[in-house]
Structure formats: C-alpha cells, structure tokens
N, C-alpha and C. Protein backbone atom coordinates (compact mmCIF):
# COMPACT_ATOMS: atom_id res chain seq x y z
N MET A 1 72.46 216.51 -18.00
CA MET A 1 72.92 217.39 -19.08
C MET A 1 74.36 217.83 -18.82
N ILE A 2 75.20 217.72 -19.83
CA ILE A 2 76.61 218.08 -19.70
C ILE A 2 76.79 219.56 -20.04
N THR A 3 77.33 220.32 -19.09
CA THR A 3 77.50 221.76 -19.30
C THR A 3 78.95 222.21 -19.23
N ALA A 4 79.86 221.35 -18.75
CA ALA A 4 81.27 221.73 -18.64
C ALA A 4 81.84 222.00 -20.03
N PRO A 5 82.81 222.93 -20.13
CA PRO A 5 83.43 223.18 -21.44
C PRO A 5 84.06 221.93 -22.05
N LEU A 6 84.55 221.02 -21.19
CA LEU A 6 85.19 219.80 -21.68
C LEU A 6 84.76 218.63 -20.81
N SER A 7 84.25 217.59 -21.44
CA SER A 7 83.82 216.39 -20.71
C SER A 7 84.19 215.15 -21.52
N LEU A 8 84.71 214.15 -20.84
CA LEU A 8 84.97 212.84 -21.44
C LEU A 8 84.09 211.82 -20.74
N ARG A 9 83.45 210.95 -21.52
CA ARG A 9 82.60 209.91 -20.98
C ARG A 9 82.99 208.56 -21.55
N ASP A 10 83.54 207.70 -20.68
CA ASP A 10 83.86 206.32 -21.04
C ASP A 10 84.71 206.23 -22.31
N VAL A 11 85.72 207.07 -22.39
CA VAL A 11 86.56 207.11 -23.59
C VAL A 11 87.54 205.94 -23.60
N THR A 12 87.53 205.22 -24.69
CA THR A 12 88.49 204.14 -24.93
C THR A 12 89.22 204.43 -26.23
N ILE A 13 90.54 204.25 -26.21
CA ILE A 13 91.35 204.45 -27.41
C ILE A 13 92.16 203.18 -27.64
N ARG A 14 91.96 202.58 -28.81
CA ARG A 14 92.72 201.38 -29.19
C ARG A 14 93.34 201.62 -30.55
N TYR A 15 94.53 201.04 -30.75
CA TYR A 15 95.20 201.11 -32.04
C TYR A 15 95.36 199.69 -32.60
N PRO A 16 95.02 199.50 -33.88
CA PRO A 16 95.16 198.16 -34.47
C PRO A 16 96.62 197.77 -34.64
N ARG A 17 96.87 196.46 -34.50
CA ARG A 17 98.22 195.92 -34.73
C ARG A 17 98.09 194.71 -35.64
N GLU A 18 98.89 194.69 -36.68
CA GLU A 18 98.81 193.62 -37.66
C GLU A 18 99.17 192.28 -37.02
N GLY A 19 98.28 191.32 -37.14
CA GLY A 19 98.54 189.98 -36.63
C GLY A 19 98.43 189.86 -35.12
N GLN A 20 98.00 190.91 -34.44
CA GLN A 20 97.88 190.88 -32.99
C GLN A 20 96.57 191.53 -32.57
N ASP A 21 96.24 191.37 -31.31
CA ASP A 21 95.08 192.07 -30.78
C ASP A 21 95.35 193.57 -30.79
N ASP A 22 94.28 194.35 -30.85
CA ASP A 22 94.43 195.80 -30.79
C ASP A 22 95.14 196.21 -29.50
N LEU A 23 95.92 197.28 -29.60
CA LEU A 23 96.62 197.82 -28.43
C LEU A 23 95.71 198.83 -27.74
N THR A 24 95.33 198.54 -26.50
CA THR A 24 94.47 199.44 -25.74
C THR A 24 95.32 200.46 -25.00
N ILE A 25 95.14 201.73 -25.35
CA ILE A 25 95.89 202.81 -24.71
C ILE A 25 95.14 203.35 -23.50
N ILE A 26 93.86 203.57 -23.67
CA ILE A 26 92.98 204.10 -22.62
C ILE A 26 91.68 203.32 -22.65
N GLU A 27 91.13 203.03 -21.47
CA GLU A 27 89.87 202.30 -21.43
C GLU A 27 88.91 202.94 -20.43
N ASN A 28 87.75 203.33 -20.95
CA ASN A 28 86.63 203.82 -20.12
C ASN A 28 87.04 204.96 -19.19
N LEU A 29 87.69 205.96 -19.75
CA LEU A 29 88.12 207.12 -18.95
C LEU A 29 87.06 208.22 -19.02
N SER A 30 86.72 208.77 -17.86
CA SER A 30 85.74 209.86 -17.78
C SER A 30 86.25 210.94 -16.84
N PHE A 31 86.08 212.18 -17.23
CA PHE A 31 86.30 213.31 -16.33
C PHE A 31 85.73 214.57 -16.97
N ASP A 32 85.54 215.60 -16.14
CA ASP A 32 85.09 216.91 -16.60
C ASP A 32 86.16 217.94 -16.27
N VAL A 33 86.25 218.96 -17.09
CA VAL A 33 87.07 220.13 -16.77
C VAL A 33 86.15 221.34 -16.85
N ASP A 34 85.87 221.93 -15.70
CA ASP A 34 84.97 223.07 -15.64
C ASP A 34 85.70 224.37 -15.99
N ALA A 35 84.92 225.36 -16.38
CA ALA A 35 85.48 226.69 -16.62
C ALA A 35 86.15 227.20 -15.35
N GLY A 36 87.33 227.79 -15.53
CA GLY A 36 88.05 228.32 -14.38
C GLY A 36 88.81 227.29 -13.58
N ARG A 37 89.00 226.10 -14.15
CA ARG A 37 89.70 225.02 -13.44
C ARG A 37 90.83 224.48 -14.31
N MET A 38 91.86 223.98 -13.65
CA MET A 38 92.96 223.33 -14.36
C MET A 38 93.02 221.87 -13.93
N HIS A 39 92.99 220.98 -14.92
CA HIS A 39 93.02 219.54 -14.69
C HIS A 39 94.33 219.00 -15.24
N CYS A 40 94.98 218.14 -14.47
CA CYS A 40 96.28 217.60 -14.88
C CYS A 40 96.20 216.09 -15.08
N LEU A 41 96.73 215.63 -16.21
CA LEU A 41 96.96 214.21 -16.44
C LEU A 41 98.39 213.91 -16.03
N ALA A 42 98.54 213.12 -14.98
CA ALA A 42 99.87 212.79 -14.46
C ALA A 42 100.11 211.30 -14.65
N GLY A 43 101.34 210.94 -14.96
CA GLY A 43 101.65 209.53 -15.13
C GLY A 43 102.92 209.33 -15.93
N ARG A 44 103.32 208.08 -16.00
CA ARG A 44 104.56 207.73 -16.67
C ARG A 44 104.44 207.94 -18.18
N SER A 45 105.58 207.99 -18.85
CA SER A 45 105.59 208.04 -20.30
C SER A 45 104.96 206.76 -20.85
N GLY A 46 104.15 206.90 -21.89
CA GLY A 46 103.50 205.74 -22.48
C GLY A 46 102.19 205.36 -21.84
N SER A 47 101.73 206.17 -20.89
CA SER A 47 100.48 205.84 -20.18
C SER A 47 99.24 206.35 -20.90
N GLY A 48 99.42 207.06 -22.01
CA GLY A 48 98.27 207.49 -22.80
C GLY A 48 97.89 208.95 -22.64
N LYS A 49 98.73 209.72 -21.95
CA LYS A 49 98.39 211.13 -21.71
C LYS A 49 98.22 211.90 -23.01
N THR A 50 99.17 211.75 -23.92
CA THR A 50 99.11 212.49 -25.19
C THR A 50 97.91 212.06 -26.03
N SER A 51 97.60 210.76 -26.02
CA SER A 51 96.44 210.28 -26.78
C SER A 51 95.16 210.91 -26.26
N ILE A 52 95.03 211.02 -24.94
CA ILE A 52 93.84 211.65 -24.37
C ILE A 52 93.79 213.13 -24.72
N LEU A 53 94.92 213.81 -24.65
CA LEU A 53 94.93 215.23 -24.99
C LEU A 53 94.51 215.44 -26.45
N LYS A 54 95.00 214.60 -27.34
CA LYS A 54 94.62 214.73 -28.75
C LYS A 54 93.13 214.45 -28.95
N ALA A 55 92.59 213.53 -28.17
CA ALA A 55 91.15 213.28 -28.25
C ALA A 55 90.35 214.46 -27.72
N THR A 56 90.81 215.07 -26.63
CA THR A 56 90.09 216.22 -26.08
C THR A 56 90.13 217.41 -27.03
N ALA A 57 91.20 217.50 -27.82
CA ALA A 57 91.34 218.60 -28.78
C ALA A 57 90.68 218.29 -30.12
N GLY A 58 90.08 217.11 -30.24
CA GLY A 58 89.41 216.76 -31.49
C GLY A 58 90.37 216.38 -32.60
N LEU A 59 91.59 216.05 -32.25
CA LEU A 59 92.59 215.69 -33.26
C LEU A 59 92.55 214.20 -33.60
N VAL A 60 92.07 213.39 -32.68
CA VAL A 60 91.83 211.97 -32.95
C VAL A 60 90.45 211.61 -32.41
N ARG A 61 89.83 210.64 -33.02
CA ARG A 61 88.53 210.16 -32.57
C ARG A 61 88.75 208.94 -31.66
N PRO A 62 88.11 208.92 -30.50
CA PRO A 62 88.24 207.73 -29.65
C PRO A 62 87.59 206.52 -30.29
N THR A 63 88.06 205.34 -29.92
CA THR A 63 87.47 204.10 -30.43
C THR A 63 86.03 203.96 -29.96
N SER A 64 85.79 204.34 -28.72
CA SER A 64 84.44 204.36 -28.17
C SER A 64 84.38 205.42 -27.08
N GLY A 65 83.17 205.74 -26.64
CA GLY A 65 83.00 206.81 -25.67
C GLY A 65 82.82 208.15 -26.37
N SER A 66 82.69 209.19 -25.58
CA SER A 66 82.36 210.51 -26.13
C SER A 66 83.22 211.60 -25.53
N VAL A 67 83.57 212.56 -26.38
CA VAL A 67 84.21 213.80 -25.96
C VAL A 67 83.21 214.92 -26.25
N PHE A 68 82.91 215.71 -25.22
CA PHE A 68 81.95 216.80 -25.36
C PHE A 68 82.65 218.14 -25.22
N TRP A 69 82.37 219.06 -26.13
CA TRP A 69 82.75 220.46 -25.99
C TRP A 69 81.48 221.24 -25.70
N SER A 70 81.38 221.78 -24.50
CA SER A 70 80.20 222.55 -24.08
C SER A 70 78.90 221.81 -24.39
N GLY A 71 78.91 220.50 -24.10
CA GLY A 71 77.71 219.69 -24.27
C GLY A 71 77.51 219.10 -25.64
N SER A 72 78.34 219.46 -26.61
CA SER A 72 78.20 218.95 -27.97
C SER A 72 79.15 217.77 -28.18
N ASP A 73 78.61 216.61 -28.53
CA ASP A 73 79.40 215.40 -28.73
C ASP A 73 80.15 215.50 -30.06
N LEU A 74 81.47 215.41 -30.00
CA LEU A 74 82.27 215.53 -31.22
C LEU A 74 81.94 214.43 -32.22
N ALA A 75 81.47 213.29 -31.73
CA ALA A 75 81.16 212.18 -32.63
C ALA A 75 80.03 212.53 -33.59
N THR A 76 79.22 213.51 -33.24
CA THR A 76 78.10 213.91 -34.10
C THR A 76 78.49 215.02 -35.07
N GLN A 77 79.74 215.49 -34.99
CA GLN A 77 80.18 216.61 -35.81
C GLN A 77 81.07 216.12 -36.96
N SER A 78 80.99 216.80 -38.09
CA SER A 78 81.89 216.49 -39.20
C SER A 78 83.30 216.94 -38.87
N ASP A 79 84.27 216.37 -39.58
CA ASP A 79 85.66 216.78 -39.37
C ASP A 79 85.84 218.27 -39.61
N ASP A 80 85.16 218.79 -40.63
CA ASP A 80 85.27 220.22 -40.94
C ASP A 80 84.71 221.07 -39.81
N ALA A 81 83.58 220.66 -39.25
CA ALA A 81 82.98 221.42 -38.15
C ALA A 81 83.87 221.39 -36.92
N VAL A 82 84.45 220.22 -36.63
CA VAL A 82 85.36 220.11 -35.48
C VAL A 82 86.57 221.00 -35.68
N THR A 83 87.13 221.01 -36.89
CA THR A 83 88.31 221.83 -37.17
C THR A 83 88.00 223.31 -36.98
N LYS A 84 86.88 223.76 -37.49
CA LYS A 84 86.52 225.18 -37.37
C LYS A 84 86.29 225.58 -35.92
N PHE A 85 85.61 224.72 -35.17
CA PHE A 85 85.34 225.04 -33.77
C PHE A 85 86.64 225.05 -32.98
N ARG A 86 87.51 224.07 -33.25
CA ARG A 86 88.77 223.99 -32.51
C ARG A 86 89.62 225.24 -32.76
N ARG A 87 89.68 225.69 -33.99
CA ARG A 87 90.53 226.83 -34.30
C ARG A 87 90.12 228.08 -33.52
N ARG A 88 88.83 228.20 -33.24
CA ARG A 88 88.32 229.39 -32.56
C ARG A 88 88.20 229.23 -31.04
N HIS A 89 87.97 228.01 -30.58
CA HIS A 89 87.57 227.84 -29.19
C HIS A 89 88.46 226.92 -28.37
N VAL A 90 89.38 226.20 -29.02
CA VAL A 90 90.24 225.27 -28.31
C VAL A 90 91.69 225.56 -28.67
N GLY A 91 92.48 225.92 -27.67
CA GLY A 91 93.91 226.11 -27.88
C GLY A 91 94.62 224.80 -27.63
N TYR A 92 95.54 224.41 -28.53
CA TYR A 92 96.26 223.14 -28.37
C TYR A 92 97.75 223.37 -28.54
N LEU A 93 98.50 222.84 -27.59
CA LEU A 93 99.97 222.94 -27.64
C LEU A 93 100.55 221.56 -27.44
N ASP A 94 101.21 221.03 -28.47
CA ASP A 94 101.83 219.72 -28.32
C ASP A 94 103.17 219.84 -27.62
N GLN A 95 103.73 218.71 -27.27
CA GLN A 95 104.94 218.71 -26.44
C GLN A 95 106.13 219.32 -27.14
N GLY A 96 106.19 219.19 -28.45
CA GLY A 96 107.35 219.70 -29.16
C GLY A 96 107.35 221.19 -29.40
N GLY A 97 106.20 221.84 -29.21
CA GLY A 97 106.13 223.26 -29.52
C GLY A 97 106.46 223.53 -30.98
N VAL A 98 105.77 222.82 -31.88
CA VAL A 98 106.11 222.85 -33.31
C VAL A 98 105.82 224.22 -33.90
N LEU A 99 106.84 224.78 -34.56
CA LEU A 99 106.71 226.05 -35.27
C LEU A 99 107.02 225.84 -36.75
N ILE A 100 106.57 226.76 -37.58
CA ILE A 100 106.79 226.66 -39.03
C ILE A 100 108.12 227.30 -39.39
N SER A 101 109.02 226.49 -39.93
CA SER A 101 110.33 227.00 -40.34
C SER A 101 110.15 228.05 -41.44
N GLY A 102 110.95 229.11 -41.36
CA GLY A 102 110.88 230.17 -42.35
C GLY A 102 110.00 231.32 -41.93
N LEU A 103 109.14 231.12 -40.94
CA LEU A 103 108.32 232.21 -40.41
C LEU A 103 108.95 232.77 -39.14
N THR A 104 108.74 234.04 -38.91
CA THR A 104 109.25 234.65 -37.68
C THR A 104 108.39 234.23 -36.49
N THR A 105 108.88 234.55 -35.31
CA THR A 105 108.13 234.28 -34.09
C THR A 105 106.73 234.88 -34.17
N LEU A 106 106.64 236.16 -34.53
CA LEU A 106 105.35 236.83 -34.60
C LEU A 106 104.44 236.17 -35.64
N GLU A 107 104.99 235.84 -36.79
CA GLU A 107 104.20 235.21 -37.85
C GLU A 107 103.67 233.84 -37.40
N ASN A 108 104.48 233.10 -36.66
CA ASN A 108 104.04 231.80 -36.15
C ASN A 108 102.87 231.96 -35.19
N VAL A 109 102.94 232.95 -34.32
CA VAL A 109 101.86 233.17 -33.36
C VAL A 109 100.57 233.56 -34.07
N LEU A 110 100.69 234.31 -35.16
CA LEU A 110 99.52 234.82 -35.87
C LEU A 110 98.95 233.83 -36.89
N LEU A 111 99.54 232.65 -37.02
CA LEU A 111 99.06 231.68 -38.00
C LEU A 111 97.57 231.37 -37.88
N PRO A 112 97.01 231.18 -36.67
CA PRO A 112 95.58 230.86 -36.59
C PRO A 112 94.68 231.96 -37.14
N ALA A 113 95.19 233.18 -37.23
CA ALA A 113 94.37 234.30 -37.71
C ALA A 113 94.39 234.43 -39.23
N VAL A 114 95.30 233.75 -39.90
CA VAL A 114 95.48 233.94 -41.34
C VAL A 114 94.22 233.60 -42.15
N PRO A 115 93.51 232.48 -41.87
CA PRO A 115 92.33 232.18 -42.70
C PRO A 115 91.28 233.27 -42.68
N ASP A 116 91.17 234.00 -41.58
CA ASP A 116 90.17 235.08 -41.48
C ASP A 116 90.78 236.46 -41.69
N ARG A 117 92.05 236.50 -42.04
CA ARG A 117 92.73 237.75 -42.35
C ARG A 117 92.63 238.77 -41.21
N GLU A 118 92.88 238.27 -40.00
CA GLU A 118 92.77 239.13 -38.83
C GLU A 118 94.14 239.43 -38.21
N THR A 119 95.19 239.24 -38.97
CA THR A 119 96.52 239.36 -38.40
C THR A 119 96.81 240.77 -37.88
N ARG A 120 96.33 241.79 -38.57
CA ARG A 120 96.62 243.16 -38.13
C ARG A 120 95.95 243.46 -36.79
N ALA A 121 94.68 243.08 -36.66
CA ALA A 121 93.94 243.35 -35.44
C ALA A 121 94.52 242.60 -34.24
N LEU A 122 95.08 241.42 -34.50
CA LEU A 122 95.57 240.59 -33.41
C LEU A 122 97.06 240.77 -33.15
N GLY A 123 97.72 241.60 -33.95
CA GLY A 123 99.16 241.79 -33.79
C GLY A 123 99.55 242.28 -32.41
N ARG A 124 98.81 243.25 -31.89
CA ARG A 124 99.13 243.78 -30.56
C ARG A 124 98.96 242.71 -29.49
N LYS A 125 97.91 241.93 -29.62
CA LYS A 125 97.69 240.87 -28.64
C LYS A 125 98.80 239.83 -28.69
N ALA A 126 99.23 239.47 -29.90
CA ALA A 126 100.32 238.51 -30.04
C ALA A 126 101.59 239.02 -29.38
N ARG A 127 101.90 240.29 -29.58
CA ARG A 127 103.08 240.87 -28.95
C ARG A 127 102.97 240.85 -27.43
N ASP A 128 101.78 241.14 -26.91
CA ASP A 128 101.57 241.13 -25.47
C ASP A 128 101.77 239.73 -24.90
N LEU A 129 101.24 238.72 -25.57
CA LEU A 129 101.43 237.35 -25.11
C LEU A 129 102.90 236.96 -25.10
N LEU A 130 103.61 237.32 -26.16
CA LEU A 130 105.04 237.00 -26.23
C LEU A 130 105.81 237.70 -25.13
N ASN A 131 105.45 238.94 -24.83
CA ASN A 131 106.11 239.65 -23.73
C ASN A 131 105.84 238.96 -22.40
N ARG A 132 104.60 238.56 -22.16
CA ARG A 132 104.24 237.89 -20.91
C ARG A 132 104.99 236.58 -20.74
N LEU A 133 105.30 235.94 -21.86
CA LEU A 133 106.00 234.66 -21.82
C LEU A 133 107.51 234.81 -21.90
N GLY A 134 108.00 236.05 -21.91
CA GLY A 134 109.43 236.28 -21.84
C GLY A 134 110.18 236.14 -23.14
N VAL A 135 109.47 236.17 -24.27
CA VAL A 135 110.14 236.06 -25.57
C VAL A 135 109.76 237.24 -26.47
N GLY A 136 109.39 238.35 -25.87
CA GLY A 136 108.97 239.51 -26.64
C GLY A 136 110.07 240.11 -27.48
N GLU A 137 111.32 239.87 -27.08
CA GLU A 137 112.44 240.43 -27.84
C GLU A 137 112.81 239.55 -29.04
N ARG A 138 112.08 238.45 -29.24
CA ARG A 138 112.41 237.51 -30.31
C ARG A 138 111.38 237.55 -31.45
N LEU A 139 110.71 238.68 -31.62
CA LEU A 139 109.64 238.79 -32.60
C LEU A 139 110.06 238.40 -34.01
N ARG A 140 111.26 238.78 -34.39
CA ARG A 140 111.71 238.57 -35.77
C ARG A 140 112.61 237.34 -35.92
N SER A 141 112.78 236.60 -34.85
CA SER A 141 113.63 235.40 -34.91
C SER A 141 112.90 234.26 -35.61
N LYS A 142 113.65 233.44 -36.33
CA LYS A 142 113.11 232.24 -36.94
C LYS A 142 113.22 231.07 -35.94
N PRO A 143 112.43 230.01 -36.11
CA PRO A 143 112.46 228.90 -35.16
C PRO A 143 113.84 228.33 -34.91
N GLU A 144 114.65 228.24 -35.97
CA GLU A 144 115.98 227.66 -35.81
C GLU A 144 116.91 228.54 -34.99
N GLN A 145 116.52 229.79 -34.75
CA GLN A 145 117.31 230.70 -33.92
C GLN A 145 116.86 230.69 -32.46
N LEU A 146 115.84 229.91 -32.14
CA LEU A 146 115.29 229.87 -30.79
C LEU A 146 115.72 228.61 -30.07
N SER A 147 115.82 228.70 -28.76
CA SER A 147 116.07 227.50 -27.95
C SER A 147 114.79 226.67 -27.87
N GLY A 148 114.92 225.44 -27.39
CA GLY A 148 113.74 224.60 -27.24
C GLY A 148 112.70 225.22 -26.33
N GLY A 149 113.16 225.82 -25.24
CA GLY A 149 112.24 226.47 -24.32
C GLY A 149 111.56 227.67 -24.93
N GLU A 150 112.29 228.43 -25.74
CA GLU A 150 111.69 229.59 -26.41
C GLU A 150 110.64 229.15 -27.42
N ARG A 151 110.93 228.09 -28.16
CA ARG A 151 109.95 227.58 -29.13
C ARG A 151 108.67 227.13 -28.42
N GLN A 152 108.84 226.51 -27.26
CA GLN A 152 107.68 226.06 -26.50
C GLN A 152 106.80 227.24 -26.08
N ARG A 153 107.43 228.32 -25.66
CA ARG A 153 106.67 229.49 -25.21
C ARG A 153 106.01 230.22 -26.38
N VAL A 154 106.67 230.24 -27.53
CA VAL A 154 106.05 230.84 -28.73
C VAL A 154 104.82 230.02 -29.13
N ALA A 155 104.94 228.70 -29.09
CA ALA A 155 103.79 227.86 -29.43
C ALA A 155 102.65 228.04 -28.44
N LEU A 156 102.97 228.27 -27.17
CA LEU A 156 101.93 228.53 -26.18
C LEU A 156 101.22 229.85 -26.48
N ALA A 157 101.98 230.86 -26.87
CA ALA A 157 101.36 232.14 -27.24
C ALA A 157 100.39 231.95 -28.41
N ARG A 158 100.77 231.13 -29.38
CA ARG A 158 99.89 230.86 -30.52
C ARG A 158 98.60 230.18 -30.06
N ALA A 159 98.72 229.24 -29.12
CA ALA A 159 97.54 228.53 -28.62
C ALA A 159 96.58 229.45 -27.87
N LEU A 160 97.11 230.56 -27.35
CA LEU A 160 96.30 231.48 -26.55
C LEU A 160 95.73 232.64 -27.36
N LEU A 161 96.04 232.71 -28.64
CA LEU A 161 95.73 233.90 -29.43
C LEU A 161 94.25 234.26 -29.42
N PHE A 162 93.38 233.27 -29.51
CA PHE A 162 91.94 233.53 -29.60
C PHE A 162 91.22 233.40 -28.26
N ASP A 163 91.95 233.48 -27.14
CA ASP A 163 91.32 233.34 -25.83
C ASP A 163 90.42 232.10 -25.79
N PRO A 164 90.99 230.92 -25.99
CA PRO A 164 90.16 229.71 -26.10
C PRO A 164 89.40 229.41 -24.82
N GLY A 165 88.20 228.85 -24.98
CA GLY A 165 87.45 228.42 -23.81
C GLY A 165 88.05 227.19 -23.17
N VAL A 166 88.75 226.40 -24.00
CA VAL A 166 89.46 225.21 -23.52
C VAL A 166 90.90 225.30 -24.01
N LEU A 167 91.84 225.09 -23.10
CA LEU A 167 93.26 225.08 -23.45
C LEU A 167 93.83 223.71 -23.13
N VAL A 168 94.41 223.05 -24.14
CA VAL A 168 94.95 221.70 -24.01
C VAL A 168 96.46 221.78 -24.22
N VAL A 169 97.23 221.37 -23.21
CA VAL A 169 98.68 221.58 -23.25
C VAL A 169 99.41 220.31 -22.83
N ASP A 170 100.31 219.83 -23.69
CA ASP A 170 101.05 218.60 -23.45
C ASP A 170 102.45 218.92 -22.92
N GLU A 171 102.71 218.58 -21.66
CA GLU A 171 104.03 218.75 -21.03
C GLU A 171 104.61 220.14 -21.28
N PRO A 172 103.95 221.21 -20.85
CA PRO A 172 104.40 222.57 -21.20
C PRO A 172 105.71 222.99 -20.57
N THR A 173 106.15 222.31 -19.51
CA THR A 173 107.39 222.72 -18.84
C THR A 173 108.53 221.75 -19.08
N ALA A 174 108.33 220.77 -19.94
CA ALA A 174 109.30 219.68 -20.07
C ALA A 174 110.69 220.14 -20.50
N SER A 175 110.76 221.16 -21.35
CA SER A 175 112.06 221.58 -21.88
C SER A 175 112.52 222.92 -21.31
N LEU A 176 111.91 223.35 -20.21
CA LEU A 176 112.22 224.66 -19.64
C LEU A 176 113.06 224.55 -18.38
N ASP A 177 113.89 225.57 -18.15
CA ASP A 177 114.57 225.65 -16.86
C ASP A 177 113.55 226.00 -15.79
N ARG A 178 113.95 225.87 -14.52
CA ARG A 178 112.99 226.03 -13.42
C ARG A 178 112.32 227.40 -13.42
N ARG A 179 113.09 228.44 -13.66
CA ARG A 179 112.52 229.78 -13.63
C ARG A 179 111.48 229.96 -14.74
N SER A 180 111.83 229.53 -15.95
CA SER A 180 110.88 229.65 -17.06
C SER A 180 109.66 228.77 -16.84
N ALA A 181 109.90 227.56 -16.31
CA ALA A 181 108.80 226.64 -16.04
C ALA A 181 107.82 227.23 -15.04
N ASP A 182 108.35 227.84 -13.99
CA ASP A 182 107.46 228.44 -12.99
C ASP A 182 106.66 229.59 -13.58
N GLY A 183 107.27 230.32 -14.52
CA GLY A 183 106.55 231.40 -15.19
C GLY A 183 105.40 230.87 -16.03
N VAL A 184 105.62 229.75 -16.73
CA VAL A 184 104.56 229.14 -17.53
C VAL A 184 103.45 228.60 -16.64
N ILE A 185 103.84 227.98 -15.52
CA ILE A 185 102.83 227.47 -14.58
C ILE A 185 101.97 228.61 -14.05
N ALA A 186 102.61 229.72 -13.69
CA ALA A 186 101.86 230.88 -13.19
C ALA A 186 100.91 231.41 -14.26
N LEU A 187 101.36 231.43 -15.52
CA LEU A 187 100.50 231.90 -16.61
C LEU A 187 99.31 230.97 -16.81
N LEU A 188 99.56 229.66 -16.82
CA LEU A 188 98.47 228.70 -16.98
C LEU A 188 97.46 228.82 -15.84
N ARG A 189 97.99 229.02 -14.63
CA ARG A 189 97.12 229.17 -13.47
C ARG A 189 96.26 230.43 -13.61
N SER A 190 96.86 231.52 -14.10
CA SER A 190 96.11 232.76 -14.26
C SER A 190 95.06 232.63 -15.37
N ILE A 191 95.38 231.86 -16.42
CA ILE A 191 94.42 231.63 -17.50
C ILE A 191 93.22 230.86 -16.98
N ALA A 192 93.47 229.83 -16.18
CA ALA A 192 92.37 229.08 -15.58
C ALA A 192 91.56 229.97 -14.64
N ASP A 193 92.24 230.74 -13.82
CA ASP A 193 91.54 231.60 -12.86
C ASP A 193 90.67 232.64 -13.55
N ALA A 194 91.03 232.99 -14.80
CA ALA A 194 90.25 233.96 -15.56
C ALA A 194 89.03 233.34 -16.24
N GLY A 195 88.87 232.00 -16.13
CA GLY A 195 87.66 231.38 -16.64
C GLY A 195 87.83 230.30 -17.69
N THR A 196 89.07 230.05 -18.14
CA THR A 196 89.31 229.03 -19.15
C THR A 196 89.39 227.65 -18.50
N ALA A 197 88.89 226.63 -19.19
CA ALA A 197 89.10 225.25 -18.78
C ALA A 197 90.45 224.79 -19.33
N VAL A 198 91.38 224.48 -18.45
CA VAL A 198 92.74 224.13 -18.86
C VAL A 198 92.99 222.66 -18.52
N ILE A 199 93.51 221.91 -19.49
CA ILE A 199 93.93 220.54 -19.23
C ILE A 199 95.37 220.38 -19.69
N VAL A 200 96.21 219.85 -18.81
CA VAL A 200 97.63 219.69 -19.11
C VAL A 200 98.05 218.26 -18.78
N SER A 201 99.14 217.83 -19.39
CA SER A 201 99.83 216.63 -18.94
C SER A 201 101.15 217.06 -18.35
N ALA A 202 101.65 216.29 -17.40
CA ALA A 202 102.86 216.75 -16.71
C ALA A 202 103.58 215.62 -15.99
N HIS A 203 104.92 215.77 -15.97
CA HIS A 203 105.78 215.05 -15.02
C HIS A 203 106.23 216.01 -13.92
N ASP A 204 106.15 217.29 -14.19
CA ASP A 204 106.63 218.34 -13.30
C ASP A 204 105.72 218.42 -12.07
N GLN A 205 106.27 218.10 -10.89
CA GLN A 205 105.44 218.08 -9.69
C GLN A 205 104.87 219.45 -9.36
N ASN A 206 105.62 220.51 -9.67
CA ASN A 206 105.10 221.86 -9.42
C ASN A 206 103.84 222.13 -10.24
N LEU A 207 103.83 221.66 -11.49
CA LEU A 207 102.66 221.83 -12.34
C LEU A 207 101.51 220.94 -11.87
N ILE A 208 101.83 219.72 -11.50
CA ILE A 208 100.80 218.82 -10.97
C ILE A 208 100.13 219.43 -9.74
N ASP A 209 100.95 220.00 -8.86
CA ASP A 209 100.42 220.60 -7.63
C ASP A 209 99.58 221.84 -7.91
N ALA A 210 99.86 222.53 -9.01
CA ALA A 210 99.13 223.76 -9.34
C ALA A 210 97.73 223.49 -9.87
N ALA A 211 97.47 222.24 -10.29
CA ALA A 211 96.17 221.89 -10.86
C ALA A 211 95.11 221.79 -9.76
N ASP A 212 93.86 222.03 -10.16
CA ASP A 212 92.74 221.88 -9.23
C ASP A 212 92.34 220.42 -9.07
N THR A 213 92.39 219.68 -10.17
CA THR A 213 92.02 218.26 -10.17
C THR A 213 93.05 217.49 -10.99
N ARG A 214 93.11 216.18 -10.74
CA ARG A 214 94.13 215.36 -11.40
C ARG A 214 93.57 213.99 -11.76
N THR A 215 94.08 213.46 -12.87
CA THR A 215 93.85 212.07 -13.22
C THR A 215 95.21 211.42 -13.33
N VAL A 216 95.44 210.38 -12.54
CA VAL A 216 96.72 209.67 -12.57
C VAL A 216 96.59 208.53 -13.56
N MET A 217 97.41 208.57 -14.60
CA MET A 217 97.37 207.55 -15.65
C MET A 217 98.27 206.39 -15.25
N ALA A 218 97.74 205.18 -15.32
CA ALA A 218 98.49 204.00 -14.90
C ALA A 218 99.53 203.62 -15.95
C-alpha cells in the first residue's frame, strides 16, 4: 500500500514526433517523497527534470506508469478532480516564476484564493510569506517592476499559500544571487522539516546537498 504524499511508479514520458519514433524523455522512473523530506532531481538540462515535475504536479499525464498523491492514482481521477486537489494540496513553482502582469505582488500571491473568495482571510499569511522571502516591501509592485529573483520569490510565496502537503519546485535558485539563493534553500528546508513533502530540481550544488534524497537524471 502506498502511503507517501507523493509516489511515482514506473513513470514513462514520451512525446510524439511527426515521421519519427516517439521521443522518450523518461523511462520507468520510480521514487517516493515522504512527508518531512526533500527530494532533489539533479541532472543536465534536457534530462527530463521539468517533465517529471509537471507529472508529479498533475499538469501532464505520463505515457505509462502511475503518479500517486497520498495513495490515490492520478490516472483514475478526472482532470477537474486533479485540478481541484492540486490547488488545495500541491504547491507548484515553475522555473520562470510566472506572475500575472497588471496585478500587484500581493494580488499575485493571493490568486489561488480567488475562486473561494478567501483573499481577506489569507492576506496576513501572504504578507508574512513575502516578508520571510525578503520581498515584503514590494507588496504593491507590478511584475515588470520586479527583478527576476524577486519574481521567483513572489511565485514561491504563492505556491506556499495553502500550506501544501506536497511542494513541487523547478530550479528555485536559478536566477538568484548566492545570498538570496541560500535564503530560499533554508526556507525549503524548513518547510520540509515542518512536514511537507518537497521535490525540487536543481543545478545548484548547495540545494542538491540540502535534500534528503536525490535522483540523478541521465
């Protein structure tokens, strides 16, 4: 019986190519991420790290194999059910730290709360997250007024808004200076230590070393 918050079993991801054989990105990959642990996908660019992260977050369906959230196989769930569960229980941060142009920093962080109209109740928490990430003074700034590193940290705050049981983060320190990167690593480590299952991809050796377990992508 699978009990870990996040489990992959024999996951294969292939993409079709016109006039050619399918492109195999990942083949028969399995691992678990337990509560309170941080798992790192390490490897060269193009090795499939982002594809695996998107599969773990329910954003893409693997060609074969299974992704389990707390023992529930995503393949048995409708797209709508996966979306609803992800919004509440899985935090996802892509490498670009994508924010919505025209919205302030605070509004971007509160976006996941909008469908349930919980923005007022979560406002204090959003401000606290932004302060912890060193961008608390940028509440009213628009994305175009932020540096790449600041946008990344705002997007991380958004991913953490609902205290997800699983946090999926793609290259969280890639665009940060060393001091900011170390702050993000310390925060991710503290999130894992508090009981969240954290999975990250990284080139940053400091982040790789901070993980409890690792999968090296060929």
